[in-house]
Amino acid sequence: MSLPTVPLIINGVEEYNPSASFAVTSPYTNQPCWTAAAASPADALRAVDSASAAFPTWSATKPAVRRGILLKAADILEKNLERNAGFMQAEMGADVGASQMFVAPLGIRMLRDLAGRIASICGSVPVVEDEGQSAMVIKEPMGVILGIVPWNAPYVFGIRSAACALAAGNTTILKSSEQTPRCYWAIVQALHEAGLPAGCLNLISCRPQDAPEVVNTMIEHPAMRKVNFTGSTVVGRKIARACGENLKPCLMELGGKNSAIVCADANIETAVKGVLAGALLNSGQICMSTDRILVHADIAPTFMAALKTALTTSADPASPPPTLVNQASKTRVERLITSALDSGAYPLSGSAEIPQSDSCVRMPPVILGGVKEDMAVWQEENFASLAACMVVGSDKEAIRIANSSGYGLSASVFTEDLRKAFGMARKIQSGAVHINSMTIQDEPALPHGGVKASGWGRFNTEMGLEEFLVTKSVTWMD
C-alpha cells in the first residue's frame, strides 16, 4: 500500500512530484507513516520569488482583511483539531495531552491573538527641532521572511513564525522540520483555505542532507529580508553566521538548560508538581523543559522524599513510557544517563535502565540525584523526560549555579516569600522566570525568547509584530 505524500506548497499550488522525496518515520512504530516532497535549491528559489511577487499586494492589504483571514484560519484549525493533533502524534510521538490539549490549542490562541493586534500597528508624530518642519515615524512590513521551524511543537512554532510575519504585512516561506512536515502542511493549508492569496505563504521541506544548501540559497536571495529560526543552538550558530555574511537580520529562539530553584521556604507540594510537570511534559522535549533542580539543603530530605513518592505514585504500569522523537535522540540520552551514573549519580526513583524496543522509541522518566556541575547531564540540554537534582546551601549559590549555564531561556523559583522571589528573578539570567510554577510557559500575552546562547529577539505580543516591521522617518517642510 502506498503511503500518502506531504507536498511542497509554492505560489499556492501543492507539488507532490518534485525531484526527490523522503520517508517520515513514526517513533511509535519505527516505520514510515508517510512520505514528504523534498525541495531542491531551485524549488526554494521559486518559493522566494513567489513570496516576493506577492509582497506588494499583500503589504497594501487593509488590516481588517488580514485580520479576517487569520481569524478564519484559526476557526479551520480548531475544526480540524483532532486530525491535526493526530499528525503530531504520528510524526513525533506526542501523547494526546501534549498534542490535542496543549500544543495545537495554544497555536490557535496565538493566531487569534495576532489577528487582534494587526489594527494596533501604527507610528508616531514627533515634534522636530526646526521651525516650519514636521515629521512622522511609520511602521512598514519588511518584505520576504524566512521561517525555519523545528519538530517538537509544530503548531506553536509554525503559527508564530508565519502568522507574525503575515500579520505585519510581510510574505513568508516556512522551511519545515523533516520530522513533522504534515503538521506544517496543516497550518499552511488552513491559511490558504481561509483566503490567503497565493504566494504569501510557501511551504518547503527537504531531506536533512540537503538542508544547508536549500536554506543558504534562500538566505542569499536578494529579496529575503529577515530570517527567524527556532531550534538548537548548534544549528542556530550556522544560520546566524549565514545571515551575518549576507547582512540579513535574524530572530533566534534557541535551546535552554532551565533551572528550577526550590528555596528553603517553598511549598513542597507546589514545588514537586511544578518540577515534575516542567521536566516531563511532552516527554521533556520542549526548549523550556526543566533540566536542573536546585534544592536548598534545609528542605532537601523532605523534598527528595516527596519527589520520589510522586514519581512512584504517578507511574502507571499499564501505560507505556513516554515516546522520544527518534532512536538517535534516545541513544544520546542513554549516554548522558550512563555517564552520570558512572560518575556517582543515582536515580531518585526506580531504575535508570532504559528499556529497548524494536517497535517504538520510549524512555521512562528519570530524575537523577547526586549530580555534579561537571557532568554532561548537568551541562547539556537533555530534551527528554530527564532532569537532575543538586542540593545547594543558599539562594545565592542556587542563582550562581543557574547562571553558570551558557543558556538563558526559562527558570522557576519556588518560595512563599514573593518579595524574595522578585529579587531572585532580577538576578537570574533568563528570558523568563516563573514564580511557583513550572519553567514551561508560552502564551499569547507574554513575549517569548532568551538571552545568552538561548538566542535574541522575541515572539508573541506587540514585540513579536515589531520583529517583522521596519521603522521609517519621514520629514517635510510645512
Protein backbone atom coordinates (compact mmCIF):
# COMPACT_ATOMS: atom_id res chain seq x y z
CA MET A 1 0.00 0.00 0.00
CA SER A 2 1.44 3.37 -1.00
CA LEU A 3 1.88 5.99 1.70
CA PRO A 4 0.36 9.48 1.46
CA THR A 5 2.74 12.26 0.41
CA VAL A 6 3.07 15.64 2.08
CA PRO A 7 3.53 18.23 -0.68
CA LEU A 8 5.50 21.39 -1.04
CA ILE A 9 3.29 24.47 -1.40
CA ILE A 10 4.71 27.08 -3.75
CA ASN A 11 2.63 30.00 -5.04
CA GLY A 12 -0.50 28.38 -3.64
CA VAL A 13 0.00 25.10 -5.52
CA GLU A 14 0.62 21.76 -3.83
CA GLU A 15 3.53 19.98 -5.52
CA TYR A 16 3.66 16.23 -4.97
CA ASN A 17 6.24 15.21 -7.54
CA PRO A 18 9.46 17.16 -7.16
CA SER A 19 12.79 15.58 -7.95
CA ALA A 20 13.02 13.69 -4.65
CA SER A 21 11.13 12.69 -1.53
CA PHE A 22 11.89 11.24 1.89
CA ALA A 23 10.16 8.99 4.39
CA VAL A 24 8.76 10.35 7.66
CA THR A 25 9.22 7.71 10.36
CA SER A 26 6.87 7.47 13.33
CA PRO A 27 8.58 6.83 16.68
CA TYR A 28 5.52 4.77 17.67
CA THR A 29 6.30 2.11 15.09
CA ASN A 30 9.77 2.88 13.71
CA GLN A 31 8.06 2.61 10.32
CA PRO A 32 7.24 5.33 7.77
CA CYS A 33 3.86 6.97 8.35
CA TRP A 34 4.03 8.93 5.07
CA THR A 35 6.50 10.48 2.66
CA ALA A 36 7.24 14.15 2.09
CA ALA A 37 8.24 16.04 -1.01
CA ALA A 38 11.88 17.16 -0.86
CA ALA A 39 12.69 20.60 -2.19
CA SER A 40 15.78 21.35 -4.22
CA PRO A 41 17.59 24.70 -4.13
CA ALA A 42 15.75 25.56 -7.36
CA ASP A 43 12.42 24.88 -5.62
CA ALA A 44 13.49 27.12 -2.74
CA LEU A 45 14.30 29.94 -5.16
CA ARG A 46 10.86 29.60 -6.74
CA ALA A 47 9.30 29.90 -3.29
CA VAL A 48 11.21 33.12 -2.57
CA ASP A 49 10.33 34.52 -5.99
CA SER A 50 6.67 33.69 -5.37
CA ALA A 51 6.70 35.45 -1.99
CA SER A 52 8.49 38.43 -3.50
CA ALA A 53 5.89 38.76 -6.26
CA ALA A 54 3.04 38.56 -3.74
CA PHE A 55 4.52 41.12 -1.35
CA PRO A 56 3.42 44.42 -2.99
CA THR A 57 -0.26 43.44 -2.98
CA TRP A 58 -0.29 41.76 0.44
CA SER A 59 1.60 44.60 2.14
CA ALA A 60 -1.06 47.04 0.88
CA THR A 61 -3.94 44.89 2.18
CA LYS A 62 -6.04 46.61 4.84
CA PRO A 63 -5.65 45.42 8.44
CA ALA A 64 -9.27 44.24 8.59
CA VAL A 65 -8.71 41.93 5.61
CA ARG A 66 -5.58 40.40 7.13
CA ARG A 67 -7.33 40.03 10.48
CA GLY A 68 -10.29 38.27 8.87
CA ILE A 69 -8.10 35.72 7.10
CA LEU A 70 -6.16 34.87 10.26
CA LEU A 71 -9.33 34.51 12.32
CA LYS A 72 -10.91 32.26 9.70
CA ALA A 73 -7.77 30.13 9.60
CA ALA A 74 -7.96 29.77 13.40
CA ASP A 75 -11.54 28.51 13.03
CA ILE A 76 -10.43 25.98 10.40
CA LEU A 77 -7.59 24.72 12.61
CA GLU A 78 -9.99 24.41 15.53
CA LYS A 79 -12.44 22.42 13.41
CA ASN A 80 -9.61 20.04 12.46
CA LEU A 81 -8.02 19.97 15.91
CA GLU A 82 -8.27 16.23 16.48
CA ARG A 83 -6.97 15.40 12.99
CA ASN A 84 -4.05 17.82 13.28
CA ALA A 85 -3.14 16.55 16.75
CA GLY A 86 -3.10 13.08 15.21
CA PHE A 87 -0.49 14.24 12.71
CA MET A 88 1.67 15.43 15.61
CA GLN A 89 1.21 12.15 17.46
CA ALA A 90 2.20 10.09 14.41
CA GLU A 91 5.19 12.21 13.41
CA MET A 92 6.87 12.90 16.75
CA GLY A 93 5.23 10.52 19.22
CA ALA A 94 3.40 13.16 21.26
CA ASP A 95 0.65 11.97 23.55
CA VAL A 96 -2.91 13.28 23.45
CA GLY A 97 -2.31 15.63 26.36
CA ALA A 98 0.65 17.35 24.70
CA SER A 99 -0.75 17.45 21.17
CA GLN A 100 -4.51 17.83 21.41
CA MET A 101 -4.76 19.67 24.72
CA PHE A 102 -1.61 21.81 24.77
CA VAL A 103 0.34 22.50 21.55
CA ALA A 104 -2.43 22.62 18.92
CA PRO A 105 -4.86 24.72 21.02
CA LEU A 106 -2.06 27.10 22.04
CA GLY A 107 -1.22 27.68 18.40
CA ILE A 108 -4.85 28.56 17.67
CA ARG A 109 -4.95 31.03 20.58
CA MET A 110 -1.75 32.64 19.32
CA LEU A 111 -3.23 33.01 15.84
CA ARG A 112 -6.33 34.75 17.18
CA ASP A 113 -4.25 37.00 19.40
CA LEU A 114 -2.05 38.07 16.49
CA ALA A 115 -5.13 38.76 14.37
CA GLY A 116 -6.44 41.09 17.06
CA ARG A 117 -3.18 43.05 17.20
CA ILE A 118 -2.97 43.89 13.48
CA ALA A 119 -5.03 47.07 13.76
CA SER A 120 -2.73 48.37 16.51
CA ILE A 121 0.28 48.70 14.19
CA CYS A 122 0.94 52.42 13.96
CA GLY A 123 3.69 55.02 14.02
CA SER A 124 4.06 58.37 15.75
CA VAL A 125 4.25 62.11 15.07
CA PRO A 126 7.25 63.54 16.93
CA VAL A 127 7.99 67.26 17.17
CA VAL A 128 11.25 68.04 15.36
CA GLU A 129 13.71 70.87 16.08
CA ASP A 130 13.44 73.12 13.03
CA GLU A 131 10.66 75.67 12.73
CA GLY A 132 8.40 75.06 9.76
CA GLN A 133 9.24 71.36 9.56
CA SER A 134 7.10 68.37 10.54
CA ALA A 135 7.77 64.65 10.76
CA MET A 136 6.17 61.30 11.21
CA VAL A 137 7.54 57.86 12.02
CA ILE A 138 5.82 54.98 10.26
CA LYS A 139 5.97 51.20 10.59
CA GLU A 140 6.20 49.21 7.37
CA PRO A 141 6.45 45.50 6.55
CA MET A 142 9.96 44.32 5.73
CA GLY A 143 9.35 42.10 2.70
CA VAL A 144 10.02 38.37 2.35
CA ILE A 145 10.64 36.50 5.63
CA LEU A 146 12.11 33.00 6.02
CA GLY A 147 10.89 30.96 8.99
CA ILE A 148 12.89 27.83 9.90
CA VAL A 149 10.94 25.76 12.39
CA PRO A 150 11.57 22.57 14.46
CA TRP A 151 9.55 19.44 15.15
CA ASN A 152 8.69 19.47 18.85
CA ALA A 153 5.76 21.95 18.97
CA PRO A 154 4.87 22.47 15.30
CA TYR A 155 1.52 24.21 15.68
CA VAL A 156 3.02 26.82 18.01
CA PHE A 157 6.23 27.38 16.06
CA GLY A 158 4.63 27.37 12.62
CA ILE A 159 1.88 29.81 13.57
CA ARG A 160 4.05 32.28 15.44
CA SER A 161 6.64 32.25 12.64
CA ALA A 162 4.27 32.54 9.68
CA ALA A 163 1.41 34.47 11.27
CA CYS A 164 3.62 37.14 12.90
CA ALA A 165 5.16 37.87 9.51
CA LEU A 166 1.82 37.82 7.68
CA ALA A 167 0.05 39.94 10.30
CA ALA A 168 2.70 42.63 9.87
CA GLY A 169 2.15 42.65 6.09
CA ASN A 170 5.10 40.50 5.02
CA THR A 171 5.12 37.41 2.84
CA THR A 172 6.95 34.33 4.01
CA ILE A 173 8.37 30.87 3.46
CA LEU A 174 8.17 28.17 6.13
CA LYS A 175 11.02 25.69 5.98
CA SER A 176 9.51 22.83 7.98
CA SER A 177 11.28 20.21 10.04
CA GLU A 178 11.75 16.98 8.12
CA GLN A 179 10.28 15.16 11.12
CA THR A 180 6.90 16.95 11.21
CA PRO A 181 6.13 18.16 7.67
CA ARG A 182 2.44 17.22 7.76
CA CYS A 183 1.79 19.38 10.82
CA TYR A 184 3.22 22.38 8.97
CA TRP A 185 1.23 21.47 5.87
CA ALA A 186 -1.94 21.63 8.01
CA ILE A 187 -1.11 25.22 9.06
CA VAL A 188 -0.43 26.42 5.52
CA GLN A 189 -3.47 24.59 4.15
CA ALA A 190 -5.73 26.25 6.74
CA LEU A 191 -4.45 29.73 5.87
CA HIS A 192 -4.98 29.15 2.16
CA GLU A 193 -8.46 27.75 2.78
CA ALA A 194 -9.15 30.93 4.78
CA GLY A 195 -8.40 33.06 1.72
CA LEU A 196 -4.69 33.88 1.97
CA PRO A 197 -3.57 34.86 -1.56
CA ALA A 198 -1.17 32.59 -3.44
CA GLY A 199 2.50 33.27 -2.79
CA CYS A 200 2.01 34.95 0.58
CA LEU A 201 2.92 31.75 2.46
CA ASN A 202 5.01 28.99 0.89
CA LEU A 203 5.97 25.64 2.43
CA ILE A 204 9.34 23.98 1.87
CA SER A 205 10.59 20.69 3.24
CA CYS A 206 13.77 18.88 2.31
CA ARG A 207 16.00 15.95 3.16
CA PRO A 208 18.37 16.65 6.08
CA GLN A 209 21.44 16.35 3.88
CA ASP A 210 20.04 19.00 1.51
CA ALA A 211 19.04 21.50 4.22
CA PRO A 212 22.25 23.59 4.34
CA GLU A 213 22.19 24.28 0.59
CA VAL A 214 18.43 24.85 0.47
CA VAL A 215 18.46 27.25 3.44
CA ASN A 216 21.57 29.16 2.35
CA THR A 217 20.10 29.58 -1.13
CA MET A 218 17.06 31.31 0.38
CA ILE A 219 19.10 33.46 2.77
CA GLU A 220 21.30 34.65 -0.10
CA HIS A 221 18.33 35.61 -2.30
CA PRO A 222 18.24 39.42 -2.73
CA ALA A 223 14.51 39.54 -1.88
CA MET A 224 14.99 37.87 1.52
CA ARG A 225 14.73 40.50 4.26
CA LYS A 226 14.85 38.56 7.56
CA VAL A 227 15.18 35.05 8.97
CA ASN A 228 13.56 33.68 12.11
CA PHE A 229 14.82 30.38 13.48
CA THR A 230 13.60 28.18 16.32
CA GLY A 231 15.78 25.18 17.11
CA SER A 232 19.08 24.05 18.53
CA THR A 233 21.90 26.40 19.41
CA VAL A 234 24.27 24.37 17.21
CA VAL A 235 22.19 24.93 14.07
CA GLY A 236 21.33 28.47 15.16
CA ARG A 237 25.01 29.42 15.08
CA LYS A 238 25.26 28.25 11.46
CA ILE A 239 22.17 30.16 10.37
CA ALA A 240 23.24 33.31 12.23
CA ARG A 241 26.63 33.06 10.50
CA ALA A 242 24.98 32.84 7.07
CA CYS A 243 22.70 35.77 7.94
CA GLY A 244 25.67 37.85 9.07
CA GLU A 245 27.61 37.13 5.89
CA ASN A 246 24.60 38.31 3.88
CA LEU A 247 23.73 41.24 6.20
CA LYS A 248 20.27 39.82 6.90
CA PRO A 249 18.78 40.35 10.39
CA CYS A 250 17.66 37.24 12.23
CA LEU A 251 15.46 36.33 15.19
CA MET A 252 16.78 33.37 17.17
CA GLU A 253 14.89 31.21 19.70
CA LEU A 254 17.37 28.52 20.63
CA GLY A 255 17.92 25.84 23.26
CA GLY A 256 17.68 26.03 27.01
CA LYS A 257 19.16 24.50 30.15
CA ASN A 258 16.41 25.55 32.51
CA SER A 259 16.72 25.60 36.30
CA ALA A 260 14.03 25.24 38.95
CA ILE A 261 15.20 26.68 42.28
CA VAL A 262 13.42 25.28 45.35
CA CYS A 263 14.02 27.60 48.30
CA ALA A 264 14.00 26.64 51.97
CA ASP A 265 10.52 28.12 52.47
CA ALA A 266 8.95 26.57 49.36
CA ASN A 267 5.61 24.82 49.49
CA ILE A 268 6.77 21.23 48.95
CA GLU A 269 3.63 20.06 47.15
CA THR A 270 3.65 23.04 44.79
CA ALA A 271 7.36 22.64 44.07
CA VAL A 272 7.15 18.91 43.36
CA LYS A 273 4.20 19.35 41.00
CA GLY A 274 5.90 22.24 39.20
CA VAL A 275 9.24 20.49 38.85
CA LEU A 276 7.77 17.24 37.51
CA ALA A 277 5.41 19.00 35.11
CA GLY A 278 8.27 21.11 33.80
CA ALA A 279 10.51 18.09 33.35
CA LEU A 280 8.05 15.61 31.86
CA LEU A 281 5.52 17.49 29.70
CA ASN A 282 5.77 16.45 26.03
CA SER A 283 8.37 13.84 27.09
CA GLY A 284 10.65 16.69 28.16
CA GLN A 285 11.04 17.70 24.52
CA ILE A 286 10.42 21.41 24.99
CA CYS A 287 13.09 24.12 24.95
CA MET A 288 11.70 25.41 28.29
CA SER A 289 11.70 21.98 29.99
CA THR A 290 13.18 21.73 33.48
CA ASP A 291 16.67 20.18 33.21
CA ARG A 292 18.14 21.29 36.55
CA ILE A 293 16.55 21.16 40.00
CA LEU A 294 18.38 23.17 42.69
CA VAL A 295 17.12 22.36 46.18
CA HIS A 296 18.04 24.19 49.38
CA ALA A 297 19.78 21.89 51.86
CA ASP A 298 17.33 22.76 54.66
CA ILE A 299 14.44 21.05 52.88
CA ALA A 300 16.34 18.67 50.60
CA PRO A 301 15.43 15.44 52.51
CA THR A 302 11.73 16.36 52.64
CA PHE A 303 11.64 17.49 49.02
CA MET A 304 13.52 14.42 47.72
CA ALA A 305 11.19 12.09 49.61
CA ALA A 306 8.13 13.87 48.21
CA LEU A 307 9.64 13.78 44.71
CA LYS A 308 10.29 10.05 44.96
CA THR A 309 6.72 9.45 46.18
CA ALA A 310 5.28 11.50 43.33
CA LEU A 311 7.36 9.65 40.75
CA THR A 312 6.33 6.30 42.15
CA THR A 313 2.62 7.02 42.52
CA SER A 314 2.37 8.69 39.09
CA ALA A 315 3.85 5.70 37.30
CA ASP A 316 1.06 3.61 35.76
CA PRO A 317 2.26 0.07 34.97
CA ALA A 318 -0.49 -0.24 32.38
CA SER A 319 0.64 2.86 30.47
CA PRO A 320 3.70 2.80 28.21
CA PRO A 321 6.61 5.13 28.96
CA PRO A 322 6.86 8.48 27.13
CA THR A 323 7.96 8.43 23.49
CA LEU A 324 11.01 10.25 22.16
CA VAL A 325 11.16 11.58 18.63
CA ASN A 326 13.66 9.07 17.22
CA GLN A 327 16.24 6.44 18.09
CA ALA A 328 19.14 8.89 17.75
CA SER A 329 17.63 11.06 20.50
CA LYS A 330 17.18 8.03 22.75
CA THR A 331 20.78 6.91 22.18
CA ARG A 332 22.06 10.38 23.08
CA VAL A 333 20.02 10.44 26.32
CA GLU A 334 21.20 6.96 27.24
CA ARG A 335 24.79 8.21 27.01
CA LEU A 336 24.02 11.17 29.29
CA ILE A 337 22.44 8.89 31.92
CA THR A 338 25.15 6.22 31.76
CA SER A 339 27.92 8.80 32.03
CA ALA A 340 26.25 10.39 35.08
CA LEU A 341 25.72 7.04 36.80
CA ASP A 342 29.32 6.06 36.17
CA SER A 343 30.42 9.32 37.82
CA GLY A 344 28.39 8.83 41.00
CA ALA A 345 24.85 10.00 40.23
CA TYR A 346 21.88 7.80 41.15
CA PRO A 347 18.20 7.57 40.14
CA LEU A 348 15.82 9.08 42.70
CA SER A 349 13.12 6.55 41.92
CA GLY A 350 13.15 3.13 40.32
CA SER A 351 15.81 2.26 37.78
CA ALA A 352 17.57 4.39 35.22
CA GLU A 353 17.77 1.41 32.89
CA ILE A 354 16.10 2.34 29.61
CA PRO A 355 14.05 -0.44 28.00
CA GLN A 356 14.96 -1.47 24.48
CA SER A 357 12.28 -1.85 21.84
CA ASP A 358 12.32 -2.62 18.13
CA SER A 359 8.84 -1.24 17.55
CA CYS A 360 8.92 2.17 19.26
CA VAL A 361 11.20 4.74 20.85
CA ARG A 362 10.27 5.00 24.53
CA MET A 363 12.05 6.18 27.66
CA PRO A 364 10.63 6.20 31.20
CA PRO A 365 11.07 9.40 33.25
CA VAL A 366 14.43 9.61 35.00
CA ILE A 367 15.30 12.08 37.80
CA LEU A 368 18.90 11.84 38.95
CA GLY A 369 20.37 12.81 42.30
CA GLY A 370 23.99 13.13 43.31
CA VAL A 371 24.97 15.09 40.21
CA LYS A 372 27.99 17.37 39.95
CA GLU A 373 28.47 20.55 37.94
CA ASP A 374 30.99 18.98 35.55
CA MET A 375 28.64 16.16 34.45
CA ALA A 376 27.35 16.28 30.87
CA VAL A 377 23.81 15.71 32.13
CA TRP A 378 24.12 18.98 34.08
CA GLN A 379 25.69 20.98 31.24
CA GLU A 380 23.96 19.73 28.05
CA GLU A 381 20.34 20.22 27.04
CA ASN A 382 18.54 16.92 27.75
CA PHE A 383 15.44 17.15 25.54
CA ALA A 384 13.92 14.07 27.16
CA SER A 385 11.97 13.11 30.28
CA LEU A 386 15.21 13.52 32.24
CA ALA A 387 16.21 16.01 34.93
CA ALA A 388 18.96 16.22 37.56
CA CYS A 389 18.86 17.39 41.19
CA MET A 390 21.56 19.21 43.13
CA VAL A 391 21.50 20.33 46.78
CA VAL A 392 22.66 23.90 47.46
CA GLY A 393 23.42 25.75 50.66
CA SER A 394 21.84 29.11 49.87
CA ASP A 395 19.72 31.04 47.40
CA LYS A 396 22.85 32.90 46.32
CA GLU A 397 24.55 29.62 45.43
CA ALA A 398 21.46 28.47 43.53
CA ILE A 399 21.45 31.66 41.44
CA ARG A 400 25.16 31.32 40.72
CA ILE A 401 24.76 27.75 39.50
CA ALA A 402 21.65 28.59 37.48
CA ASN A 403 23.54 31.44 35.78
CA SER A 404 26.59 29.25 35.12
CA SER A 405 24.77 27.73 32.17
CA GLY A 406 25.56 29.17 28.78
CA TYR A 407 21.81 29.21 28.11
CA GLY A 408 19.16 31.61 29.38
CA LEU A 409 15.65 30.77 28.27
CA SER A 410 13.44 29.99 31.29
CA ALA A 411 13.66 29.39 35.03
CA SER A 412 11.45 28.78 38.06
CA VAL A 413 11.67 29.89 41.70
CA PHE A 414 9.62 28.16 44.39
CA THR A 415 9.20 30.16 47.60
CA GLU A 416 6.44 31.52 49.82
CA ASP A 417 8.21 34.89 50.03
CA LEU A 418 7.13 36.84 46.97
CA ARG A 419 9.42 39.79 47.69
CA LYS A 420 12.41 37.45 47.81
CA ALA A 421 11.23 35.74 44.61
CA PHE A 422 11.14 39.07 42.75
CA GLY A 423 14.68 39.82 43.91
CA MET A 424 15.90 36.41 42.73
CA ALA A 425 14.09 36.81 39.40
CA ARG A 426 16.01 40.05 38.79
CA LYS A 427 19.32 38.23 39.30
CA ILE A 428 18.60 35.14 37.18
CA GLN A 429 19.94 35.49 33.63
CA SER A 430 16.95 34.23 31.69
CA GLY A 431 14.32 35.40 29.24
CA ALA A 432 11.59 34.34 31.68
CA VAL A 433 11.34 33.49 35.39
CA HIS A 434 8.19 31.82 36.74
CA ILE A 435 7.45 32.02 40.46
CA ASN A 436 5.80 28.92 41.96
CA SER A 437 5.05 27.38 38.56
CA MET A 438 6.89 25.25 36.02
CA THR A 439 9.57 26.51 33.65
CA ILE A 440 7.27 25.83 30.67
CA GLN A 441 5.02 28.76 29.90
CA ASP A 442 4.32 30.17 26.46
CA GLU A 443 1.16 32.13 25.78
CA PRO A 444 -0.03 35.00 23.57
CA ALA A 445 0.18 37.66 26.30
CA LEU A 446 3.85 37.03 27.12
CA PRO A 447 6.90 37.84 24.96
CA HIS A 448 8.94 34.71 24.40
CA GLY A 449 12.68 34.43 23.86
CA GLY A 450 16.01 34.04 25.61
CA VAL A 451 19.41 35.52 26.39
CA LYS A 452 22.97 34.22 26.00
CA ALA A 453 23.06 31.01 23.91
CA SER A 454 19.25 30.79 24.02
CA GLY A 455 19.06 33.47 21.35
CA TRP A 456 17.74 37.01 20.91
CA GLY A 457 14.58 38.77 19.84
CA ARG A 458 11.03 37.97 20.94
CA PHE A 459 7.96 36.23 19.60
CA ASN A 460 4.37 36.94 20.76
CA THR A 461 2.63 40.20 21.80
CA GLU A 462 3.39 43.51 20.13
CA MET A 463 7.09 42.64 20.38
CA GLY A 464 6.51 39.75 18.00
CA LEU A 465 4.95 42.07 15.44
CA GLU A 466 7.72 44.66 15.88
CA GLU A 467 10.26 41.98 14.90
CA PHE A 468 8.76 41.97 11.40
CA LEU A 469 8.36 45.72 10.87
CA VAL A 470 10.83 48.36 9.75
CA THR A 471 10.74 51.89 11.16
CA LYS A 472 10.89 54.78 8.69
CA SER A 473 11.19 58.51 9.45
CA VAL A 474 9.55 60.97 7.06
CA THR A 475 10.07 64.75 7.31
CA TRP A 476 8.67 67.65 5.27
CA MET A 477 8.63 71.41 5.21
CA ASP A 478 5.21 72.77 6.13
